[in-house]
């Protein structure tokens, strides 16, 4: 398929016709200057890509479909300590581009907020739009899941379900291994990455993380911002060339 064709995530559908939302139809018509006969890719978050010919009024006719080969064979969940909004959104955007499969906002000792209830529904809606736009731009065929925020201790209860859980520990007094040199099996793995806020995790948080099977890791000699750590660590775990 043509590499520059525009991509749009749509709800699951059946039949040979795709219906785009009013917002998507307006974008096609007013921003992209598209009209009947032009072609786009429709993505139903199943891993399939549908080449669609626009028919007008927000509808399109399926011409062909193909299975995407973009997604990583590993599935990565990133637990991101809540940092200032613009930085957190940057982490969501870049993590989506790199291939993260699930994001979980986390409240830790040094987080920007201290209550999960402080994150309002409109904030989640904005984050989901950022994820969708980033997934379309980066040619993803599946949308990362955005989970509800958890307190760090509650998040730790999930970690036993992963094959590997990595916890960058910059300031904590913990022995670390370089994430760059961690060797994992070639078979698909279920991975978790836990990134701290500005100032990192406390010693007690890292200690408790180890009890819950997290591996303290280093991302190199330099100290990275939290949002940069999300991008760097995710790339180290997911990059497929």
C-alpha atoms as a PDB file:
ATOM      1  CA  UNK A   1       0.000   0.000   0.000  1.00  0.00           C
ATOM      2  CA  UNK A   2       1.033   3.597  -0.530  1.00  0.00           C
ATOM      3  CA  UNK A   3       3.178   4.697   2.404  1.00  0.00           C
ATOM      4  CA  UNK A   4       1.802   8.266   2.569  1.00  0.00           C
ATOM      5  CA  UNK A   5      -1.851   7.266   2.655  1.00  0.00           C
ATOM      6  CA  UNK A   6      -3.714   8.795   5.600  1.00  0.00           C
ATOM      7  CA  UNK A   7      -4.737   6.478   8.422  1.00  0.00           C
ATOM      8  CA  UNK A   8      -7.787   6.569  10.700  1.00  0.00           C
ATOM      9  CA  UNK A   9      -8.767   4.370  13.627  1.00  0.00           C
ATOM     10  CA  UNK A  10     -12.453   3.388  13.529  1.00  0.00           C
ATOM     11  CA  UNK A  11     -14.694   1.243  15.762  1.00  0.00           C
ATOM     12  CA  UNK A  12     -15.011  -2.464  14.841  1.00  0.00           C
ATOM     13  CA  UNK A  13     -17.284  -2.951  11.828  1.00  0.00           C
ATOM     14  CA  UNK A  14     -18.714  -5.638   9.573  1.00  0.00           C
ATOM     15  CA  UNK A  15     -19.534  -5.706   5.883  1.00  0.00           C
ATOM     16  CA  UNK A  16     -17.823  -3.858   3.065  1.00  0.00           C
ATOM     17  CA  UNK A  17     -18.500  -0.282   4.172  1.00  0.00           C
ATOM     18  CA  UNK A  18     -16.595   1.760   6.760  1.00  0.00           C
ATOM     19  CA  UNK A  19     -18.227   4.690   8.524  1.00  0.00           C
ATOM     20  CA  UNK A  20     -15.945   7.461   9.759  1.00  0.00           C
ATOM     21  CA  UNK A  21     -16.838   9.780  12.628  1.00  0.00           C
ATOM     22  CA  UNK A  22     -18.076  13.291  11.934  1.00  0.00           C
ATOM     23  CA  UNK A  23     -14.768  14.662  13.217  1.00  0.00           C
ATOM     24  CA  UNK A  24     -12.791  12.393  10.873  1.00  0.00           C
ATOM     25  CA  UNK A  25     -15.036  13.302   7.930  1.00  0.00           C
ATOM     26  CA  UNK A  26     -14.483  17.015   8.620  1.00  0.00           C
ATOM     27  CA  UNK A  27     -10.726  16.492   8.818  1.00  0.00           C
ATOM     28  CA  UNK A  28     -10.727  14.654   5.484  1.00  0.00           C
ATOM     29  CA  UNK A  29     -12.822  17.322   3.805  1.00  0.00           C
ATOM     30  CA  UNK A  30     -11.566  20.583   5.322  1.00  0.00           C
ATOM     31  CA  UNK A  31      -7.982  19.867   6.399  1.00  0.00           C
ATOM     32  CA  UNK A  32      -6.808  17.175   3.992  1.00  0.00           C
ATOM     33  CA  UNK A  33      -8.976  18.405   1.075  1.00  0.00           C
ATOM     34  CA  UNK A  34     -10.084  14.876   0.281  1.00  0.00           C
ATOM     35  CA  UNK A  35     -13.197  13.940  -1.679  1.00  0.00           C
ATOM     36  CA  UNK A  36     -15.039  10.926  -3.081  1.00  0.00           C
ATOM     37  CA  UNK A  37     -12.643   8.591  -4.861  1.00  0.00           C
ATOM     38  CA  UNK A  38      -9.661   9.326  -2.608  1.00  0.00           C
ATOM     39  CA  UNK A  39      -8.237   6.482  -0.570  1.00  0.00           C
ATOM     40  CA  UNK A  40      -7.380   6.113   3.108  1.00  0.00           C
ATOM     41  CA  UNK A  41      -6.505   3.298   5.485  1.00  0.00           C
ATOM     42  CA  UNK A  42      -9.049   2.319   8.132  1.00  0.00           C
ATOM     43  CA  UNK A  43      -7.774   0.563  11.273  1.00  0.00           C
ATOM     44  CA  UNK A  44     -10.136  -1.306  13.584  1.00  0.00           C
ATOM     45  CA  UNK A  45      -7.560  -1.963  16.350  1.00  0.00           C
ATOM     46  CA  UNK A  46      -7.428  -5.663  15.450  1.00  0.00           C
ATOM     47  CA  UNK A  47      -4.111  -5.627  13.591  1.00  0.00           C
ATOM     48  CA  UNK A  48      -5.756  -5.445  10.159  1.00  0.00           C
ATOM     49  CA  UNK A  49      -5.446  -2.506   7.769  1.00  0.00           C
ATOM     50  CA  UNK A  50      -8.262  -1.774   5.320  1.00  0.00           C
ATOM     51  CA  UNK A  51      -7.669   0.240   2.165  1.00  0.00           C
ATOM     52  CA  UNK A  52     -10.833   2.270   1.694  1.00  0.00           C
ATOM     53  CA  UNK A  53     -12.181   4.375  -1.176  1.00  0.00           C
ATOM     54  CA  UNK A  54     -14.146   7.367   0.095  1.00  0.00           C
ATOM     55  CA  UNK A  55     -17.742   7.624  -1.090  1.00  0.00           C
ATOM     56  CA  UNK A  56     -18.687  10.895   0.580  1.00  0.00           C
ATOM     57  CA  UNK A  57     -20.759  11.693   3.694  1.00  0.00           C
ATOM     58  CA  UNK A  58     -18.243   9.934   5.939  1.00  0.00           C
ATOM     59  CA  UNK A  59     -18.498   6.506   4.335  1.00  0.00           C
ATOM     60  CA  UNK A  60     -15.932   4.429   2.475  1.00  0.00           C
ATOM     61  CA  UNK A  61     -15.858   1.203   0.471  1.00  0.00           C
ATOM     62  CA  UNK A  62     -13.295  -1.463   1.372  1.00  0.00           C
ATOM     63  CA  UNK A  63     -10.983  -2.320  -1.518  1.00  0.00           C
ATOM     64  CA  UNK A  64      -8.618  -4.720   0.213  1.00  0.00           C
ATOM     65  CA  UNK A  65      -7.231  -5.604   3.616  1.00  0.00           C
ATOM     66  CA  UNK A  66      -3.839  -6.758   4.858  1.00  0.00           C
ATOM     67  CA  UNK A  67      -2.287  -7.802   8.138  1.00  0.00           C
ATOM     68  CA  UNK A  68       0.038  -5.231   9.680  1.00  0.00           C
ATOM     69  CA  UNK A  69       3.623  -6.235  10.435  1.00  0.00           C
ATOM     70  CA  UNK A  70       4.423  -3.078  12.416  1.00  0.00           C
ATOM     71  CA  UNK A  71       3.711  -4.222  15.959  1.00  0.00           C
ATOM     72  CA  UNK A  72       6.524  -5.596  18.118  1.00  0.00           C
ATOM     73  CA  UNK A  73       6.485  -9.276  19.048  1.00  0.00           C
ATOM     74  CA  UNK A  74       6.933  -8.202  22.691  1.00  0.00           C
ATOM     75  CA  UNK A  75       4.089  -6.547  24.597  1.00  0.00           C
ATOM     76  CA  UNK A  76       5.220  -3.690  26.811  1.00  0.00           C
ATOM     77  CA  UNK A  77       3.231  -2.018  29.582  1.00  0.00           C
ATOM     78  CA  UNK A  78       4.727   1.240  30.831  1.00  0.00           C
ATOM     79  CA  UNK A  79       3.875   2.399  34.332  1.00  0.00           C
ATOM     80  CA  UNK A  80       4.562   6.128  34.248  1.00  0.00           C
ATOM     81  CA  UNK A  81       4.732   8.140  37.440  1.00  0.00           C
ATOM     82  CA  UNK A  82       2.577  11.211  36.995  1.00  0.00           C
ATOM     83  CA  UNK A  83       4.732  14.195  36.080  1.00  0.00           C
ATOM     84  CA  UNK A  84       3.769  17.663  34.833  1.00  0.00           C
ATOM     85  CA  UNK A  85       1.061  17.408  32.202  1.00  0.00           C
ATOM     86  CA  UNK A  86       3.043  18.499  29.149  1.00  0.00           C
ATOM     87  CA  UNK A  87       5.877  16.103  30.001  1.00  0.00           C
ATOM     88  CA  UNK A  88       3.471  13.244  30.661  1.00  0.00           C
ATOM     89  CA  UNK A  89       1.786  13.836  27.309  1.00  0.00           C
ATOM     90  CA  UNK A  90       5.168  13.818  25.583  1.00  0.00           C
ATOM     91  CA  UNK A  91       5.872  10.427  27.178  1.00  0.00           C
ATOM     92  CA  UNK A  92       2.538   9.068  25.912  1.00  0.00           C
ATOM     93  CA  UNK A  93       3.200  10.379  22.411  1.00  0.00           C
ATOM     94  CA  UNK A  94       6.718   9.018  22.078  1.00  0.00           C
ATOM     95  CA  UNK A  95       5.915   5.762  23.846  1.00  0.00           C
ATOM     96  CA  UNK A  96       3.082   5.171  21.380  1.00  0.00           C
ATOM     97  CA  UNK A  97       5.352   5.869  18.417  1.00  0.00           C
ATOM     98  CA  UNK A  98       7.944   3.409  19.736  1.00  0.00           C
ATOM     99  CA  UNK A  99       5.416   0.610  20.239  1.00  0.00           C
ATOM    100  CA  UNK A 100       4.194   0.576  23.861  1.00  0.00           C
ATOM    101  CA  UNK A 101       1.098  -1.596  24.248  1.00  0.00           C
ATOM    102  CA  UNK A 102      -0.338  -0.222  27.490  1.00  0.00           C
ATOM    103  CA  UNK A 103       0.143   2.839  29.679  1.00  0.00           C
ATOM    104  CA  UNK A 104      -0.641   2.999  33.402  1.00  0.00           C
ATOM    105  CA  UNK A 105      -0.355   6.371  35.181  1.00  0.00           C
ATOM    106  CA  UNK A 106       1.158   5.812  38.620  1.00  0.00           C
ATOM    107  CA  UNK A 107       1.167   7.898  41.775  1.00  0.00           C
ATOM    108  CA  UNK A 108       4.479   7.494  43.626  1.00  0.00           C
ATOM    109  CA  UNK A 109       6.061   9.379  46.532  1.00  0.00           C
ATOM    110  CA  UNK A 110       7.484  12.187  44.367  1.00  0.00           C
ATOM    111  CA  UNK A 111       4.727  12.332  41.748  1.00  0.00           C
ATOM    112  CA  UNK A 112       3.240  15.603  40.510  1.00  0.00           C
ATOM    113  CA  UNK A 113      -0.061  14.528  42.129  1.00  0.00           C
ATOM    114  CA  UNK A 114      -0.706  12.442  45.220  1.00  0.00           C
ATOM    115  CA  UNK A 115      -4.266  11.199  44.550  1.00  0.00           C
ATOM    116  CA  UNK A 116      -5.543   9.200  41.582  1.00  0.00           C
ATOM    117  CA  UNK A 117      -8.831  11.101  41.833  1.00  0.00           C
ATOM    118  CA  UNK A 118      -6.954  14.301  40.926  1.00  0.00           C
ATOM    119  CA  UNK A 119      -6.837  13.100  37.318  1.00  0.00           C
ATOM    120  CA  UNK A 120     -10.151  14.240  35.846  1.00  0.00           C
ATOM    121  CA  UNK A 121     -12.082  12.453  33.032  1.00  0.00           C
ATOM    122  CA  UNK A 122     -11.291  15.252  30.571  1.00  0.00           C
ATOM    123  CA  UNK A 123      -7.589  14.613  31.153  1.00  0.00           C
ATOM    124  CA  UNK A 124      -8.004  10.950  30.204  1.00  0.00           C
ATOM    125  CA  UNK A 125      -9.953  11.998  27.100  1.00  0.00           C
ATOM    126  CA  UNK A 126      -7.115  14.284  26.044  1.00  0.00           C
ATOM    127  CA  UNK A 127      -4.545  11.535  26.651  1.00  0.00           C
ATOM    128  CA  UNK A 128      -6.559   9.091  24.526  1.00  0.00           C
ATOM    129  CA  UNK A 129      -6.666  11.598  21.640  1.00  0.00           C
ATOM    130  CA  UNK A 130      -2.893  11.999  21.876  1.00  0.00           C
ATOM    131  CA  UNK A 131      -2.450   8.217  21.761  1.00  0.00           C
ATOM    132  CA  UNK A 132      -4.754   7.863  18.741  1.00  0.00           C
ATOM    133  CA  UNK A 133      -3.042  10.648  16.802  1.00  0.00           C
ATOM    134  CA  UNK A 134       0.404   9.258  17.610  1.00  0.00           C
ATOM    135  CA  UNK A 135      -0.637   5.731  16.622  1.00  0.00           C
ATOM    136  CA  UNK A 136      -1.978   6.951  13.277  1.00  0.00           C
ATOM    137  CA  UNK A 137       1.136   9.026  12.606  1.00  0.00           C
ATOM    138  CA  UNK A 138       3.509   6.160  13.420  1.00  0.00           C
ATOM    139  CA  UNK A 139       1.545   3.599  11.361  1.00  0.00           C
ATOM    140  CA  UNK A 140       0.486   1.527  14.344  1.00  0.00           C
ATOM    141  CA  UNK A 141      -2.246  -1.042  13.701  1.00  0.00           C
ATOM    142  CA  UNK A 142      -3.228  -1.344  17.354  1.00  0.00           C
ATOM    143  CA  UNK A 143      -3.965   1.349  19.895  1.00  0.00           C
ATOM    144  CA  UNK A 144      -2.126   1.283  23.214  1.00  0.00           C
ATOM    145  CA  UNK A 145      -4.465   0.807  26.156  1.00  0.00           C
ATOM    146  CA  UNK A 146      -4.671   3.673  28.628  1.00  0.00           C
ATOM    147  CA  UNK A 147      -5.481   2.281  32.071  1.00  0.00           C
ATOM    148  CA  UNK A 148      -6.821   4.169  35.053  1.00  0.00           C
ATOM    149  CA  UNK A 149      -4.212   5.579  37.413  1.00  0.00           C
ATOM    150  CA  UNK A 150      -2.950   3.431  40.274  1.00  0.00           C
ATOM    151  CA  UNK A 151      -1.061   4.079  43.455  1.00  0.00           C
ATOM    152  CA  UNK A 152       2.433   2.583  43.127  1.00  0.00           C
ATOM    153  CA  UNK A 153       1.792  -0.082  45.774  1.00  0.00           C
ATOM    154  CA  UNK A 154      -1.340  -1.198  43.908  1.00  0.00           C
ATOM    155  CA  UNK A 155       0.551  -1.255  40.612  1.00  0.00           C
ATOM    156  CA  UNK A 156       3.132  -3.569  42.141  1.00  0.00           C
ATOM    157  CA  UNK A 157       0.442  -6.202  42.661  1.00  0.00           C
ATOM    158  CA  UNK A 158       0.231  -6.578  38.861  1.00  0.00           C
ATOM    159  CA  UNK A 159       3.925  -7.164  38.255  1.00  0.00           C
ATOM    160  CA  UNK A 160       3.926 -10.898  38.963  1.00  0.00           C
ATOM    161  CA  UNK A 161       1.943 -11.380  35.733  1.00  0.00           C
ATOM    162  CA  UNK A 162       4.865 -10.184  33.551  1.00  0.00           C
ATOM    163  CA  UNK A 163       7.832 -12.158  32.291  1.00  0.00           C
ATOM    164  CA  UNK A 164      10.126  -9.243  33.153  1.00  0.00           C
ATOM    165  CA  UNK A 165       9.544  -5.982  35.034  1.00  0.00           C
ATOM    166  CA  UNK A 166      12.222  -3.289  34.762  1.00  0.00           C
ATOM    167  CA  UNK A 167      12.506  -0.350  37.151  1.00  0.00           C
ATOM    168  CA  UNK A 168      15.050   2.369  36.283  1.00  0.00           C
ATOM    169  CA  UNK A 169      16.610   3.413  39.587  1.00  0.00           C
ATOM    170  CA  UNK A 170      18.686   6.567  39.264  1.00  0.00           C
ATOM    171  CA  UNK A 171      19.020   7.966  42.757  1.00  0.00           C
ATOM    172  CA  UNK A 172      18.023   5.015  44.924  1.00  0.00           C
ATOM    173  CA  UNK A 173      20.719   3.060  46.732  1.00  0.00           C
ATOM    174  CA  UNK A 174      20.206  -0.132  44.784  1.00  0.00           C
ATOM    175  CA  UNK A 175      22.480  -2.283  42.657  1.00  0.00           C
ATOM    176  CA  UNK A 176      21.411  -2.025  39.037  1.00  0.00           C
ATOM    177  CA  UNK A 177      22.110  -3.754  35.755  1.00  0.00           C
ATOM    178  CA  UNK A 178      22.322  -1.974  32.412  1.00  0.00           C
ATOM    179  CA  UNK A 179      19.070  -2.304  30.504  1.00  0.00           C
ATOM    180  CA  UNK A 180      21.111  -2.233  27.307  1.00  0.00           C
ATOM    181  CA  UNK A 181      22.788  -5.496  28.289  1.00  0.00           C
ATOM    182  CA  UNK A 182      19.744  -7.381  29.559  1.00  0.00           C
ATOM    183  CA  UNK A 183      19.313 -10.510  27.459  1.00  0.00           C
ATOM    184  CA  UNK A 184      15.787 -11.772  26.903  1.00  0.00           C
ATOM    185  CA  UNK A 185      14.523 -14.844  25.053  1.00  0.00           C
ATOM    186  CA  UNK A 186      13.646 -14.323  21.393  1.00  0.00           C
ATOM    187  CA  UNK A 187      10.147 -15.646  22.034  1.00  0.00           C
ATOM    188  CA  UNK A 188       7.452 -12.999  22.612  1.00  0.00           C
ATOM    189  CA  UNK A 189       7.601 -11.695  26.152  1.00  0.00           C
ATOM    190  CA  UNK A 190       5.181  -9.776  28.339  1.00  0.00           C
ATOM    191  CA  UNK A 191       7.227  -6.865  29.675  1.00  0.00           C
ATOM    192  CA  UNK A 192       6.676  -4.051  32.151  1.00  0.00           C
ATOM    193  CA  UNK A 193       8.657  -0.844  32.529  1.00  0.00           C
ATOM    194  CA  UNK A 194       8.227   1.325  35.626  1.00  0.00           C
ATOM    195  CA  UNK A 195       9.443   4.913  35.270  1.00  0.00           C
ATOM    196  CA  UNK A 196       9.711   7.238  38.242  1.00  0.00           C
ATOM    197  CA  UNK A 197       8.934  10.964  38.522  1.00  0.00           C
ATOM    198  CA  UNK A 198      11.323  13.886  38.766  1.00  0.00           C
ATOM    199  CA  UNK A 199      13.717  12.920  41.522  1.00  0.00           C
ATOM    200  CA  UNK A 200      13.173   9.228  40.839  1.00  0.00           C
ATOM    201  CA  UNK A 201      11.880   6.545  43.137  1.00  0.00           C
ATOM    202  CA  UNK A 202      12.753   6.508  46.828  1.00  0.00           C
ATOM    203  CA  UNK A 203      14.962   3.791  48.318  1.00  0.00           C
ATOM    204  CA  UNK A 204      11.915   2.197  49.916  1.00  0.00           C
ATOM    205  CA  UNK A 205       9.984   2.188  46.640  1.00  0.00           C
ATOM    206  CA  UNK A 206      12.831   0.449  44.816  1.00  0.00           C
ATOM    207  CA  UNK A 207      13.227  -2.031  47.676  1.00  0.00           C
ATOM    208  CA  UNK A 208       9.513  -2.798  47.588  1.00  0.00           C
ATOM    209  CA  UNK A 209       9.667  -3.047  43.801  1.00  0.00           C
ATOM    210  CA  UNK A 210      12.333  -5.721  44.070  1.00  0.00           C
ATOM    211  CA  UNK A 211      10.131  -7.668  46.463  1.00  0.00           C
ATOM    212  CA  UNK A 212       7.483  -7.573  43.725  1.00  0.00           C
ATOM    213  CA  UNK A 213       9.912  -8.998  41.136  1.00  0.00           C
ATOM    214  CA  UNK A 214      11.033  -5.718  39.526  1.00  0.00           C
ATOM    215  CA  UNK A 215      14.632  -5.590  38.297  1.00  0.00           C
ATOM    216  CA  UNK A 216      16.404  -2.270  39.095  1.00  0.00           C
ATOM    217  CA  UNK A 217      18.130  -1.101  35.911  1.00  0.00           C
ATOM    218  CA  UNK A 218      20.354   1.683  34.656  1.00  0.00           C
ATOM    219  CA  UNK A 219      19.765   3.560  31.386  1.00  0.00           C
ATOM    220  CA  UNK A 220      23.334   4.821  31.128  1.00  0.00           C
ATOM    221  CA  UNK A 221      25.719   7.256  32.764  1.00  0.00           C
ATOM    222  CA  UNK A 222      23.602  10.360  32.231  1.00  0.00           C
ATOM    223  CA  UNK A 223      20.535  11.283  34.251  1.00  0.00           C
ATOM    224  CA  UNK A 224      17.482  11.405  32.005  1.00  0.00           C
ATOM    225  CA  UNK A 225      14.242  13.271  32.512  1.00  0.00           C
ATOM    226  CA  UNK A 226      11.298  10.981  33.275  1.00  0.00           C
ATOM    227  CA  UNK A 227       9.702  11.465  29.854  1.00  0.00           C
ATOM    228  CA  UNK A 228      13.026  10.824  28.130  1.00  0.00           C
ATOM    229  CA  UNK A 229      13.499   7.663  30.175  1.00  0.00           C
ATOM    230  CA  UNK A 230      10.153   6.357  28.901  1.00  0.00           C
ATOM    231  CA  UNK A 231      11.279   6.804  25.297  1.00  0.00           C
ATOM    232  CA  UNK A 232      14.816   5.477  25.743  1.00  0.00           C
ATOM    233  CA  UNK A 233      13.897   2.421  27.804  1.00  0.00           C
ATOM    234  CA  UNK A 234      10.928   1.553  25.588  1.00  0.00           C
ATOM    235  CA  UNK A 235      13.122   1.747  22.506  1.00  0.00           C
ATOM    236  CA  UNK A 236      15.735  -0.510  24.086  1.00  0.00           C
ATOM    237  CA  UNK A 237      13.072  -3.101  24.831  1.00  0.00           C
ATOM    238  CA  UNK A 238      11.039  -2.916  21.617  1.00  0.00           C
ATOM    239  CA  UNK A 239      13.214  -1.780  18.719  1.00  0.00           C
ATOM    240  CA  UNK A 240      13.048  -4.327  15.897  1.00  0.00           C
ATOM    241  CA  UNK A 241      15.212  -3.750  12.832  1.00  0.00           C
END
